[in-house]
């Protein structure tokens, strides 16, 4: 079938042609976003409001890319370069707000929704323990502090983790990971991001050091 126009589509535009919404109230951990882009490439595309021509999602990623280019960082994976050396970034097009109020509501909503559901503690603990014990570089990229990791492991039922010991869990005991586990941009706020302590896994009582 031909002649169809996708209601949502991704196109590459110059980074300098991506104007932010001046009313955006979201703060950003730009250095952490930069570290994530350098580690994993540019993955999540910003979204442009066709009515206003402004960014509706992706202000932090825009700031991070501008700062990287100013510093002379290598072109990240996922970014193209034009003939003049400018960065071309992928953006999602095709959505239009009906008013400034709707645009601002959606701008806030898109920042609130990702963390609204919280985490499944056992599944998260299993992944984090694997990363912490087998690939510290990837674990470090998550910026999770020792205290947060220990708090998570205290909320996990060891019997539900692989090779967990036979530990009795009180009937009706609830194990819930607080929705506040992650901070700005999906990263936990770990202060200076230095981890030198050890963490005990409730599944195997293994002590490991997440830090490098």
N, C-alpha and C. Protein backbone atom coordinates (compact mmCIF):
# COMPACT_ATOMS: atom_id res chain seq x y z
N UNK A 1 0.85 -1.18 0.00
CA UNK A 1 0.00 0.00 0.00
C UNK A 1 0.90 1.25 0.00
N UNK A 2 0.60 2.21 -0.84
CA UNK A 2 1.43 3.40 -0.97
C UNK A 2 0.60 4.66 -0.72
N UNK A 3 1.29 5.76 -0.59
CA UNK A 3 0.61 7.04 -0.44
C UNK A 3 0.14 7.36 0.96
N UNK A 4 0.54 6.54 1.95
CA UNK A 4 0.12 6.78 3.32
C UNK A 4 1.15 7.63 4.06
N UNK A 5 0.66 8.53 4.91
CA UNK A 5 1.54 9.33 5.74
C UNK A 5 1.37 8.90 7.19
N UNK A 6 2.46 8.49 7.81
CA UNK A 6 2.38 8.02 9.19
C UNK A 6 1.99 9.16 10.11
N UNK A 7 1.03 8.93 11.01
CA UNK A 7 0.63 10.00 11.94
C UNK A 7 1.76 10.37 12.90
N UNK A 8 2.62 9.42 13.20
CA UNK A 8 3.81 9.68 14.00
C UNK A 8 5.01 9.14 13.23
N UNK A 9 6.04 9.92 13.11
CA UNK A 9 7.21 9.49 12.36
C UNK A 9 8.46 10.13 12.93
N UNK A 10 9.58 9.52 12.69
CA UNK A 10 10.86 10.02 13.17
C UNK A 10 11.64 10.62 12.00
N UNK A 11 12.16 11.80 12.23
CA UNK A 11 12.97 12.46 11.22
C UNK A 11 14.18 13.09 11.89
N UNK A 12 15.23 13.32 11.14
CA UNK A 12 16.44 13.93 11.69
C UNK A 12 16.44 15.43 11.38
N UNK A 13 16.69 16.24 12.39
CA UNK A 13 16.75 17.68 12.22
C UNK A 13 18.01 18.20 12.92
N UNK A 14 18.51 19.39 12.53
CA UNK A 14 19.66 19.96 13.22
C UNK A 14 19.35 20.20 14.70
N UNK A 15 20.31 19.90 15.55
CA UNK A 15 20.14 20.15 16.98
C UNK A 15 19.79 21.60 17.25
N UNK A 16 20.36 22.51 16.46
CA UNK A 16 20.10 23.94 16.63
C UNK A 16 18.68 24.33 16.24
N UNK A 17 17.96 23.44 15.55
CA UNK A 17 16.58 23.73 15.13
C UNK A 17 15.56 23.13 16.09
N UNK A 18 16.01 22.74 17.28
CA UNK A 18 15.11 22.11 18.25
C UNK A 18 14.90 23.06 19.43
N UNK A 19 13.94 23.99 19.32
CA UNK A 19 13.76 24.99 20.39
C UNK A 19 13.02 24.40 21.59
N UNK A 20 13.48 24.71 22.81
CA UNK A 20 12.80 24.23 24.01
C UNK A 20 11.57 25.06 24.32
N UNK A 21 10.70 24.51 25.14
CA UNK A 21 9.56 25.27 25.64
C UNK A 21 10.06 26.08 26.83
N UNK A 22 10.02 27.41 26.77
CA UNK A 22 10.53 28.23 27.88
C UNK A 22 9.76 28.03 29.17
N UNK A 23 8.55 27.45 29.09
CA UNK A 23 7.74 27.23 30.29
C UNK A 23 8.05 25.89 30.95
N UNK A 24 8.95 25.10 30.37
CA UNK A 24 9.24 23.77 30.91
C UNK A 24 9.73 23.87 32.36
N UNK A 25 9.02 23.21 33.32
CA UNK A 25 9.40 23.32 34.73
C UNK A 25 10.32 22.20 35.22
N UNK A 26 10.66 21.26 34.34
CA UNK A 26 11.44 20.09 34.77
C UNK A 26 12.91 20.43 34.90
N UNK A 27 13.51 19.99 36.03
CA UNK A 27 14.94 20.09 36.20
C UNK A 27 15.61 18.82 35.65
N UNK A 28 16.89 18.91 35.34
CA UNK A 28 17.57 17.77 34.72
C UNK A 28 18.96 17.56 35.31
N UNK A 29 19.32 16.30 35.45
CA UNK A 29 20.68 15.93 35.82
C UNK A 29 21.48 15.78 34.52
N UNK A 30 21.93 16.91 33.98
CA UNK A 30 22.53 16.91 32.65
C UNK A 30 23.77 16.01 32.59
N UNK A 31 24.60 16.03 33.64
CA UNK A 31 25.81 15.22 33.61
C UNK A 31 25.48 13.73 33.56
N UNK A 32 24.42 13.34 34.23
CA UNK A 32 24.03 11.93 34.20
C UNK A 32 23.45 11.55 32.84
N UNK A 33 22.73 12.47 32.23
CA UNK A 33 22.21 12.20 30.89
C UNK A 33 23.37 12.07 29.91
N UNK A 34 24.35 12.96 30.05
CA UNK A 34 25.53 12.88 29.19
C UNK A 34 26.23 11.53 29.36
N UNK A 35 26.40 11.10 30.61
CA UNK A 35 27.05 9.82 30.88
C UNK A 35 26.26 8.67 30.25
N UNK A 36 24.93 8.73 30.33
CA UNK A 36 24.10 7.69 29.75
C UNK A 36 24.24 7.65 28.23
N UNK A 37 24.25 8.82 27.60
CA UNK A 37 24.39 8.88 26.14
C UNK A 37 25.77 8.35 25.72
N UNK A 38 26.80 8.70 26.47
CA UNK A 38 28.14 8.22 26.15
C UNK A 38 28.24 6.71 26.34
N UNK A 39 27.55 6.17 27.34
CA UNK A 39 27.62 4.73 27.62
C UNK A 39 26.78 3.91 26.64
N UNK A 40 25.59 4.41 26.31
CA UNK A 40 24.62 3.59 25.59
C UNK A 40 24.14 4.16 24.26
N UNK A 41 24.58 5.38 23.92
CA UNK A 41 24.11 6.00 22.70
C UNK A 41 22.84 6.81 22.94
N UNK A 42 22.40 7.51 21.90
CA UNK A 42 21.19 8.33 21.98
C UNK A 42 20.01 7.44 21.60
N UNK A 43 19.20 7.07 22.60
CA UNK A 43 18.16 6.05 22.40
C UNK A 43 16.77 6.65 22.26
N UNK A 44 16.36 7.42 23.25
CA UNK A 44 14.98 7.93 23.28
C UNK A 44 14.89 9.26 22.55
N UNK A 45 14.06 9.32 21.53
CA UNK A 45 13.99 10.53 20.71
C UNK A 45 13.11 11.60 21.35
N UNK A 46 13.49 12.87 21.26
CA UNK A 46 12.61 13.95 21.71
C UNK A 46 11.34 14.01 20.85
N UNK A 47 10.34 14.69 21.37
CA UNK A 47 9.07 14.85 20.66
C UNK A 47 8.82 16.34 20.44
N UNK A 48 8.40 16.69 19.23
CA UNK A 48 8.12 18.09 18.89
C UNK A 48 6.62 18.29 18.75
N UNK A 49 6.11 19.36 19.33
CA UNK A 49 4.71 19.75 19.18
C UNK A 49 4.59 20.48 17.84
N UNK A 50 3.83 19.92 16.93
CA UNK A 50 3.72 20.51 15.59
C UNK A 50 3.02 21.88 15.62
N UNK A 51 2.15 22.10 16.59
CA UNK A 51 1.44 23.39 16.65
C UNK A 51 2.38 24.52 17.05
N UNK A 52 3.24 24.25 18.03
CA UNK A 52 4.12 25.31 18.53
C UNK A 52 5.52 25.24 17.94
N UNK A 53 5.90 24.08 17.47
CA UNK A 53 7.26 23.88 16.99
C UNK A 53 8.27 23.71 18.11
N UNK A 54 7.79 23.58 19.36
CA UNK A 54 8.66 23.47 20.53
C UNK A 54 8.77 22.01 20.99
N UNK A 55 9.80 21.76 21.75
CA UNK A 55 9.96 20.43 22.34
C UNK A 55 8.85 20.19 23.35
N UNK A 56 8.22 19.02 23.29
CA UNK A 56 7.21 18.64 24.27
C UNK A 56 7.74 17.57 25.21
N UNK A 57 8.78 16.86 24.76
CA UNK A 57 9.47 15.86 25.58
C UNK A 57 10.90 15.76 25.09
N UNK A 58 11.85 15.81 26.02
CA UNK A 58 13.25 15.67 25.63
C UNK A 58 14.11 16.88 25.91
N UNK A 59 13.69 17.75 26.82
CA UNK A 59 14.48 18.94 27.13
C UNK A 59 15.84 18.57 27.72
N UNK A 60 15.86 17.58 28.59
CA UNK A 60 17.12 17.17 29.20
C UNK A 60 18.09 16.59 28.19
N UNK A 61 17.57 15.79 27.28
CA UNK A 61 18.42 15.20 26.23
C UNK A 61 18.96 16.29 25.30
N UNK A 62 18.14 17.28 25.02
CA UNK A 62 18.59 18.40 24.19
C UNK A 62 19.73 19.14 24.87
N UNK A 63 19.56 19.46 26.17
CA UNK A 63 20.61 20.15 26.92
C UNK A 63 21.90 19.35 26.93
N UNK A 64 21.75 18.05 27.13
CA UNK A 64 22.93 17.18 27.21
C UNK A 64 23.69 17.17 25.89
N UNK A 65 22.98 17.06 24.78
CA UNK A 65 23.63 17.03 23.47
C UNK A 65 24.33 18.36 23.17
N UNK A 66 23.68 19.46 23.50
CA UNK A 66 24.30 20.77 23.27
C UNK A 66 25.60 20.88 24.07
N UNK A 67 25.56 20.45 25.33
CA UNK A 67 26.75 20.52 26.17
C UNK A 67 27.85 19.60 25.64
N UNK A 68 27.48 18.43 25.17
CA UNK A 68 28.46 17.50 24.61
C UNK A 68 29.13 18.09 23.37
N UNK A 69 28.34 18.74 22.53
CA UNK A 69 28.91 19.32 21.31
C UNK A 69 29.82 20.50 21.66
N UNK A 70 29.43 21.30 22.65
CA UNK A 70 30.27 22.43 23.08
C UNK A 70 31.61 21.93 23.61
N UNK A 71 31.58 20.79 24.30
CA UNK A 71 32.81 20.23 24.87
C UNK A 71 33.69 19.54 23.83
N UNK A 72 33.14 19.36 22.63
CA UNK A 72 33.91 18.67 21.60
C UNK A 72 33.89 17.17 21.75
N UNK A 73 32.84 16.65 22.40
CA UNK A 73 32.72 15.20 22.56
C UNK A 73 32.50 14.53 21.20
N UNK A 74 32.91 13.27 21.07
CA UNK A 74 32.64 12.54 19.83
C UNK A 74 31.14 12.43 19.57
N UNK A 75 30.78 12.32 18.31
CA UNK A 75 29.36 12.19 17.95
C UNK A 75 28.79 10.92 18.56
N UNK A 76 27.73 11.01 19.35
CA UNK A 76 27.16 9.81 19.98
C UNK A 76 26.53 8.87 18.95
N UNK A 77 26.47 7.62 19.30
CA UNK A 77 25.77 6.65 18.47
C UNK A 77 24.29 7.06 18.37
N UNK A 78 23.75 7.06 17.18
CA UNK A 78 22.37 7.46 16.97
C UNK A 78 22.21 8.87 16.45
N UNK A 79 23.31 9.62 16.40
CA UNK A 79 23.30 11.00 15.90
C UNK A 79 24.03 11.05 14.57
N UNK A 80 23.48 11.81 13.61
CA UNK A 80 24.13 12.00 12.32
C UNK A 80 24.86 13.35 12.30
N UNK A 81 25.73 13.52 11.34
CA UNK A 81 26.49 14.77 11.19
C UNK A 81 26.26 15.32 9.78
N UNK A 82 25.93 16.62 9.68
CA UNK A 82 25.71 17.22 8.36
C UNK A 82 27.05 17.65 7.75
N UNK A 83 26.98 18.22 6.56
CA UNK A 83 28.19 18.59 5.83
C UNK A 83 29.01 19.65 6.55
N UNK A 84 28.36 20.43 7.41
CA UNK A 84 29.05 21.50 8.13
C UNK A 84 29.53 21.06 9.52
N UNK A 85 29.33 19.78 9.84
CA UNK A 85 29.75 19.27 11.14
C UNK A 85 28.71 19.39 12.23
N UNK A 86 27.52 19.90 11.88
CA UNK A 86 26.45 20.01 12.87
C UNK A 86 25.81 18.67 13.16
N UNK A 87 25.30 18.54 14.37
CA UNK A 87 24.65 17.28 14.75
C UNK A 87 23.19 17.27 14.31
N UNK A 88 22.78 16.17 13.71
CA UNK A 88 21.39 15.95 13.33
C UNK A 88 20.81 14.91 14.28
N UNK A 89 19.72 15.25 14.94
CA UNK A 89 19.16 14.35 15.95
C UNK A 89 17.79 13.83 15.51
N UNK A 90 17.47 12.59 15.89
CA UNK A 90 16.16 12.04 15.55
C UNK A 90 15.10 12.59 16.49
N UNK A 91 13.99 13.03 15.93
CA UNK A 91 12.87 13.52 16.74
C UNK A 91 11.58 12.89 16.23
N UNK A 92 10.65 12.74 17.13
CA UNK A 92 9.33 12.23 16.76
C UNK A 92 8.44 13.39 16.39
N UNK A 93 7.82 13.30 15.22
CA UNK A 93 6.94 14.36 14.72
C UNK A 93 5.53 13.79 14.53
N UNK A 94 4.57 14.71 14.39
CA UNK A 94 3.22 14.30 14.04
C UNK A 94 2.17 14.55 15.09
N UNK A 95 2.59 14.96 16.30
CA UNK A 95 1.60 15.26 17.34
C UNK A 95 1.45 16.76 17.49
N UNK A 96 0.19 17.21 17.63
CA UNK A 96 -0.08 18.64 17.80
C UNK A 96 -0.97 18.86 19.00
N UNK A 97 -0.59 19.82 19.83
CA UNK A 97 -1.44 20.19 20.96
C UNK A 97 -2.59 21.06 20.44
N UNK A 98 -3.66 21.09 21.20
CA UNK A 98 -4.80 21.92 20.82
C UNK A 98 -4.74 23.31 21.42
N UNK A 99 -3.89 23.47 22.45
CA UNK A 99 -3.77 24.77 23.12
C UNK A 99 -2.48 24.77 23.94
N UNK A 100 -2.09 25.94 24.40
CA UNK A 100 -0.92 26.02 25.26
C UNK A 100 -1.15 25.27 26.56
N UNK A 101 -2.38 25.30 27.07
CA UNK A 101 -2.66 24.59 28.31
C UNK A 101 -2.49 23.08 28.13
N UNK A 102 -2.97 22.56 27.02
CA UNK A 102 -2.78 21.13 26.79
C UNK A 102 -1.30 20.79 26.61
N UNK A 103 -0.59 21.65 25.89
CA UNK A 103 0.84 21.40 25.70
C UNK A 103 1.57 21.34 27.03
N UNK A 104 1.25 22.25 27.95
CA UNK A 104 1.91 22.27 29.24
C UNK A 104 1.48 21.07 30.09
N UNK A 105 0.22 20.68 29.99
CA UNK A 105 -0.24 19.51 30.74
C UNK A 105 0.47 18.25 30.26
N UNK A 106 0.59 18.10 28.94
CA UNK A 106 1.26 16.93 28.39
C UNK A 106 2.75 16.95 28.75
N UNK A 107 3.36 18.11 28.73
CA UNK A 107 4.77 18.25 29.09
C UNK A 107 5.01 17.71 30.50
N UNK A 108 4.12 18.05 31.43
CA UNK A 108 4.25 17.55 32.81
C UNK A 108 3.92 16.06 32.87
N UNK A 109 2.88 15.65 32.18
CA UNK A 109 2.43 14.26 32.22
C UNK A 109 3.52 13.31 31.72
N UNK A 110 4.18 13.67 30.64
CA UNK A 110 5.20 12.79 30.07
C UNK A 110 6.40 12.63 31.00
N UNK A 111 6.62 13.59 31.88
CA UNK A 111 7.69 13.47 32.85
C UNK A 111 7.27 12.67 34.08
N UNK A 112 5.96 12.69 34.41
CA UNK A 112 5.49 12.01 35.61
C UNK A 112 5.17 10.54 35.38
N UNK A 113 4.70 10.19 34.19
CA UNK A 113 4.21 8.84 33.96
C UNK A 113 5.26 7.74 34.11
N UNK A 114 6.50 7.89 33.60
CA UNK A 114 7.44 6.77 33.64
C UNK A 114 7.69 6.21 35.03
N UNK A 115 7.72 7.06 36.04
CA UNK A 115 8.02 6.58 37.40
C UNK A 115 6.77 6.30 38.22
N UNK A 116 5.59 6.56 37.65
CA UNK A 116 4.36 6.47 38.43
C UNK A 116 4.05 5.06 38.92
N UNK A 117 4.43 4.05 38.17
CA UNK A 117 4.07 2.69 38.53
C UNK A 117 5.00 2.02 39.52
N UNK A 118 6.14 2.64 39.83
CA UNK A 118 7.08 2.00 40.73
C UNK A 118 7.79 0.82 40.07
N UNK A 119 8.27 -0.12 40.90
CA UNK A 119 9.04 -1.25 40.40
C UNK A 119 8.54 -2.55 41.02
N UNK A 120 8.79 -3.66 40.34
CA UNK A 120 8.60 -4.98 40.92
C UNK A 120 9.88 -5.32 41.67
N UNK A 121 9.87 -5.35 43.00
CA UNK A 121 11.11 -5.47 43.77
C UNK A 121 11.96 -6.68 43.43
N UNK A 122 11.34 -7.87 43.34
CA UNK A 122 12.14 -9.07 43.09
C UNK A 122 12.83 -9.02 41.73
N UNK A 123 12.07 -8.61 40.71
CA UNK A 123 12.64 -8.55 39.36
C UNK A 123 13.76 -7.52 39.30
N UNK A 124 13.55 -6.37 39.94
CA UNK A 124 14.57 -5.33 39.94
C UNK A 124 15.82 -5.77 40.70
N UNK A 125 15.61 -6.39 41.86
CA UNK A 125 16.74 -6.84 42.67
C UNK A 125 17.56 -7.88 41.93
N UNK A 126 16.89 -8.79 41.23
CA UNK A 126 17.61 -9.83 40.49
C UNK A 126 18.50 -9.22 39.41
N UNK A 127 17.96 -8.25 38.67
CA UNK A 127 18.74 -7.61 37.61
C UNK A 127 19.90 -6.81 38.20
N UNK A 128 19.62 -6.04 39.25
CA UNK A 128 20.67 -5.19 39.84
C UNK A 128 21.79 -6.03 40.45
N UNK A 129 21.42 -7.14 41.11
CA UNK A 129 22.48 -7.97 41.70
C UNK A 129 23.36 -8.57 40.60
N UNK A 130 22.73 -8.99 39.52
CA UNK A 130 23.50 -9.55 38.40
C UNK A 130 24.46 -8.51 37.84
N UNK A 131 23.96 -7.28 37.65
CA UNK A 131 24.81 -6.22 37.11
C UNK A 131 25.94 -5.88 38.09
N UNK A 132 25.59 -5.77 39.36
CA UNK A 132 26.58 -5.36 40.36
C UNK A 132 27.70 -6.37 40.51
N UNK A 133 27.40 -7.65 40.30
CA UNK A 133 28.42 -8.68 40.50
C UNK A 133 29.12 -9.10 39.21
N UNK A 134 28.56 -8.73 38.06
CA UNK A 134 29.15 -9.21 36.81
C UNK A 134 29.58 -8.10 35.86
N UNK A 135 29.01 -6.91 35.97
CA UNK A 135 29.39 -5.82 35.07
C UNK A 135 29.26 -4.50 35.82
N UNK A 136 30.30 -4.12 36.55
CA UNK A 136 30.22 -2.94 37.39
C UNK A 136 30.08 -1.65 36.59
N UNK A 137 30.58 -1.64 35.34
CA UNK A 137 30.43 -0.44 34.52
C UNK A 137 28.95 -0.16 34.24
N UNK A 138 28.22 -1.21 33.87
CA UNK A 138 26.79 -1.03 33.62
C UNK A 138 26.05 -0.68 34.90
N UNK A 139 26.42 -1.33 35.99
CA UNK A 139 25.77 -1.03 37.26
C UNK A 139 26.03 0.42 37.66
N UNK A 140 27.26 0.88 37.50
CA UNK A 140 27.60 2.25 37.85
C UNK A 140 26.82 3.26 37.02
N UNK A 141 26.49 2.89 35.78
CA UNK A 141 25.76 3.82 34.91
C UNK A 141 24.36 4.10 35.44
N UNK A 142 23.86 3.26 36.36
CA UNK A 142 22.53 3.46 36.93
C UNK A 142 22.53 4.45 38.08
N UNK A 143 23.71 4.77 38.61
CA UNK A 143 23.84 5.76 39.68
C UNK A 143 22.97 5.42 40.90
N UNK A 144 23.05 4.18 41.34
CA UNK A 144 22.30 3.73 42.51
C UNK A 144 23.24 3.68 43.70
N UNK A 145 22.84 4.31 44.81
CA UNK A 145 23.70 4.36 45.98
C UNK A 145 23.61 3.06 46.77
N UNK A 146 24.59 2.85 47.67
CA UNK A 146 24.58 1.68 48.54
C UNK A 146 23.31 1.63 49.38
N UNK A 147 22.91 2.78 49.93
CA UNK A 147 21.73 2.81 50.79
C UNK A 147 20.48 2.39 50.03
N UNK A 148 20.36 2.85 48.80
CA UNK A 148 19.17 2.49 48.00
C UNK A 148 19.16 1.01 47.66
N UNK A 149 20.34 0.45 47.35
CA UNK A 149 20.42 -0.97 47.05
C UNK A 149 20.07 -1.80 48.28
N UNK A 150 20.59 -1.40 49.43
CA UNK A 150 20.28 -2.13 50.66
C UNK A 150 18.79 -2.04 51.00
N UNK A 151 18.20 -0.87 50.80
CA UNK A 151 16.77 -0.70 51.06
C UNK A 151 15.95 -1.60 50.15
N UNK A 152 16.35 -1.69 48.90
CA UNK A 152 15.65 -2.57 47.96
C UNK A 152 15.74 -4.02 48.41
N UNK A 153 16.94 -4.47 48.74
CA UNK A 153 17.13 -5.87 49.11
C UNK A 153 16.39 -6.23 50.39
N UNK A 154 16.19 -5.27 51.29
CA UNK A 154 15.43 -5.53 52.50
C UNK A 154 13.95 -5.77 52.21
N UNK A 155 13.50 -5.33 51.05
CA UNK A 155 12.08 -5.47 50.69
C UNK A 155 11.80 -6.66 49.80
N UNK A 156 12.82 -7.46 49.56
CA UNK A 156 12.68 -8.59 48.65
C UNK A 156 12.53 -9.89 49.42
N UNK A 157 11.62 -10.75 48.99
CA UNK A 157 11.45 -12.08 49.54
C UNK A 157 12.53 -12.99 48.97
N UNK A 158 13.50 -13.47 49.77
CA UNK A 158 14.58 -14.29 49.23
C UNK A 158 14.10 -15.55 48.53
N UNK A 159 12.96 -16.11 48.95
CA UNK A 159 12.47 -17.34 48.35
C UNK A 159 12.04 -17.14 46.90
N UNK A 160 11.83 -15.89 46.51
CA UNK A 160 11.37 -15.63 45.14
C UNK A 160 12.51 -15.32 44.20
N UNK A 161 13.73 -15.24 44.76
CA UNK A 161 14.89 -15.01 43.91
C UNK A 161 15.55 -16.34 43.57
N UNK A 162 16.25 -16.43 42.43
CA UNK A 162 16.92 -17.66 42.05
C UNK A 162 17.87 -18.13 43.15
N UNK A 163 17.77 -19.44 43.50
CA UNK A 163 18.64 -20.08 44.48
C UNK A 163 18.52 -19.44 45.85
N UNK A 164 17.36 -18.88 46.13
CA UNK A 164 17.17 -18.26 47.43
C UNK A 164 17.06 -19.30 48.53
N UNK A 165 17.48 -18.98 49.75
CA UNK A 165 17.41 -19.91 50.87
C UNK A 165 15.99 -20.06 51.36
N UNK A 166 15.77 -21.08 52.16
CA UNK A 166 14.45 -21.32 52.74
C UNK A 166 14.25 -20.40 53.92
N UNK A 167 13.82 -19.18 53.62
CA UNK A 167 13.60 -18.20 54.67
C UNK A 167 12.10 -18.00 54.84
N UNK A 168 11.65 -18.13 56.08
CA UNK A 168 10.23 -18.01 56.35
C UNK A 168 9.80 -16.56 56.27
N UNK A 169 8.72 -16.31 55.55
CA UNK A 169 8.18 -14.96 55.43
C UNK A 169 6.84 -14.91 56.13
N UNK A 170 6.64 -13.95 56.98
CA UNK A 170 5.41 -13.84 57.73
C UNK A 170 4.22 -13.71 56.80
N UNK A 171 3.15 -14.41 57.16
CA UNK A 171 1.95 -14.36 56.32
C UNK A 171 1.39 -12.95 56.28
N UNK A 172 1.08 -12.50 55.09
CA UNK A 172 0.52 -11.18 54.92
C UNK A 172 1.54 -10.07 54.86
N UNK A 173 2.82 -10.46 54.97
CA UNK A 173 3.86 -9.43 54.92
C UNK A 173 3.90 -8.81 53.54
N UNK A 174 3.91 -7.51 53.47
CA UNK A 174 3.95 -6.82 52.20
C UNK A 174 5.36 -6.34 51.92
N UNK A 175 5.81 -6.59 50.70
CA UNK A 175 7.12 -6.13 50.29
C UNK A 175 6.92 -5.23 49.08
N UNK A 176 7.04 -3.97 49.30
CA UNK A 176 6.75 -3.01 48.22
C UNK A 176 7.91 -2.03 48.08
N UNK A 177 8.35 -1.82 46.86
CA UNK A 177 9.42 -0.85 46.61
C UNK A 177 8.80 0.51 46.38
N UNK A 178 9.23 1.45 47.19
CA UNK A 178 8.70 2.81 47.10
C UNK A 178 8.86 3.37 45.70
N UNK A 179 7.81 4.04 45.21
CA UNK A 179 7.88 4.63 43.88
C UNK A 179 9.01 5.64 43.76
N UNK A 180 9.51 6.13 44.90
CA UNK A 180 10.56 7.13 44.86
C UNK A 180 11.95 6.55 44.69
N UNK A 181 12.06 5.26 44.35
CA UNK A 181 13.38 4.65 44.18
C UNK A 181 14.21 5.38 43.15
N UNK A 182 13.58 5.82 42.08
CA UNK A 182 14.38 6.51 41.07
C UNK A 182 14.18 8.01 41.17
N UNK A 183 15.20 8.74 40.73
CA UNK A 183 15.16 10.19 40.81
C UNK A 183 14.97 10.81 39.45
N UNK A 184 15.53 11.97 39.27
CA UNK A 184 15.35 12.71 38.02
C UNK A 184 15.86 11.91 36.84
N UNK A 185 15.05 11.86 35.77
CA UNK A 185 15.41 11.16 34.54
C UNK A 185 15.61 9.67 34.74
N UNK A 186 14.92 9.11 35.75
CA UNK A 186 15.03 7.68 35.93
C UNK A 186 16.25 7.24 36.70
N UNK A 187 17.08 8.14 37.18
CA UNK A 187 18.26 7.77 37.95
C UNK A 187 18.01 8.08 39.40
N UNK A 188 18.54 7.21 40.27
CA UNK A 188 18.47 7.50 41.69
C UNK A 188 19.52 8.54 42.03
N UNK A 189 19.16 9.43 42.95
CA UNK A 189 20.09 10.48 43.33
C UNK A 189 21.07 9.91 44.33
N UNK A 190 22.29 9.67 43.91
CA UNK A 190 23.29 9.04 44.75
C UNK A 190 24.36 10.01 45.21
N UNK A 191 24.07 11.29 45.23
CA UNK A 191 25.03 12.26 45.72
C UNK A 191 26.24 12.32 44.82
N UNK A 192 27.40 11.98 45.37
CA UNK A 192 28.62 12.06 44.57
C UNK A 192 28.85 10.79 43.78
N UNK A 193 27.91 9.84 43.86
CA UNK A 193 27.95 8.63 43.04
C UNK A 193 29.20 7.79 43.33
N UNK A 194 29.68 7.81 44.57
CA UNK A 194 30.80 6.96 44.95
C UNK A 194 30.26 5.85 45.82
N UNK A 195 30.54 4.59 45.45
CA UNK A 195 30.06 3.44 46.20
C UNK A 195 31.26 2.59 46.61
N UNK A 196 31.53 2.51 47.90
CA UNK A 196 32.66 1.73 48.34
C UNK A 196 32.26 0.65 49.33
N UNK A 197 30.98 0.63 49.77
CA UNK A 197 30.54 -0.34 50.75
C UNK A 197 30.19 -1.67 50.14
N UNK A 198 29.73 -2.58 50.99
CA UNK A 198 29.29 -3.89 50.51
C UNK A 198 27.81 -4.02 50.75
N UNK A 199 27.16 -4.86 49.93
CA UNK A 199 25.73 -5.09 50.02
C UNK A 199 25.51 -6.59 50.14
N UNK A 200 24.56 -6.98 51.00
CA UNK A 200 24.28 -8.40 51.21
C UNK A 200 23.03 -8.78 50.46
N UNK A 201 23.15 -9.79 49.61
CA UNK A 201 21.99 -10.28 48.84
C UNK A 201 21.17 -11.21 49.72
N UNK A 202 19.84 -10.98 49.85
CA UNK A 202 19.01 -11.83 50.69
C UNK A 202 18.79 -13.21 50.10
N UNK A 203 19.09 -13.39 48.83
CA UNK A 203 18.88 -14.69 48.18
C UNK A 203 19.96 -15.70 48.56
N UNK A 204 21.21 -15.22 48.68
CA UNK A 204 22.31 -16.15 48.90
C UNK A 204 23.23 -15.71 50.03
N UNK A 205 22.88 -14.58 50.70
CA UNK A 205 23.71 -14.01 51.76
C UNK A 205 25.11 -13.66 51.28
N UNK A 206 25.23 -13.42 49.97
CA UNK A 206 26.52 -13.09 49.38
C UNK A 206 26.78 -11.60 49.55
N UNK A 207 27.98 -11.28 50.06
CA UNK A 207 28.38 -9.88 50.16
C UNK A 207 29.13 -9.48 48.91
N UNK A 208 28.70 -8.38 48.28
CA UNK A 208 29.40 -7.91 47.11
C UNK A 208 29.54 -6.41 47.18
N UNK A 209 30.53 -5.90 46.49
CA UNK A 209 30.79 -4.46 46.46
C UNK A 209 30.38 -3.92 45.11
N UNK A 210 29.27 -3.15 45.04
CA UNK A 210 28.81 -2.61 43.75
C UNK A 210 29.79 -1.62 43.14
N UNK A 211 30.52 -0.92 43.95
CA UNK A 211 31.41 0.10 43.43
C UNK A 211 32.58 -0.49 42.68
N UNK A 212 33.26 0.37 41.87
CA UNK A 212 34.40 -0.09 41.10
C UNK A 212 35.55 -0.39 42.04
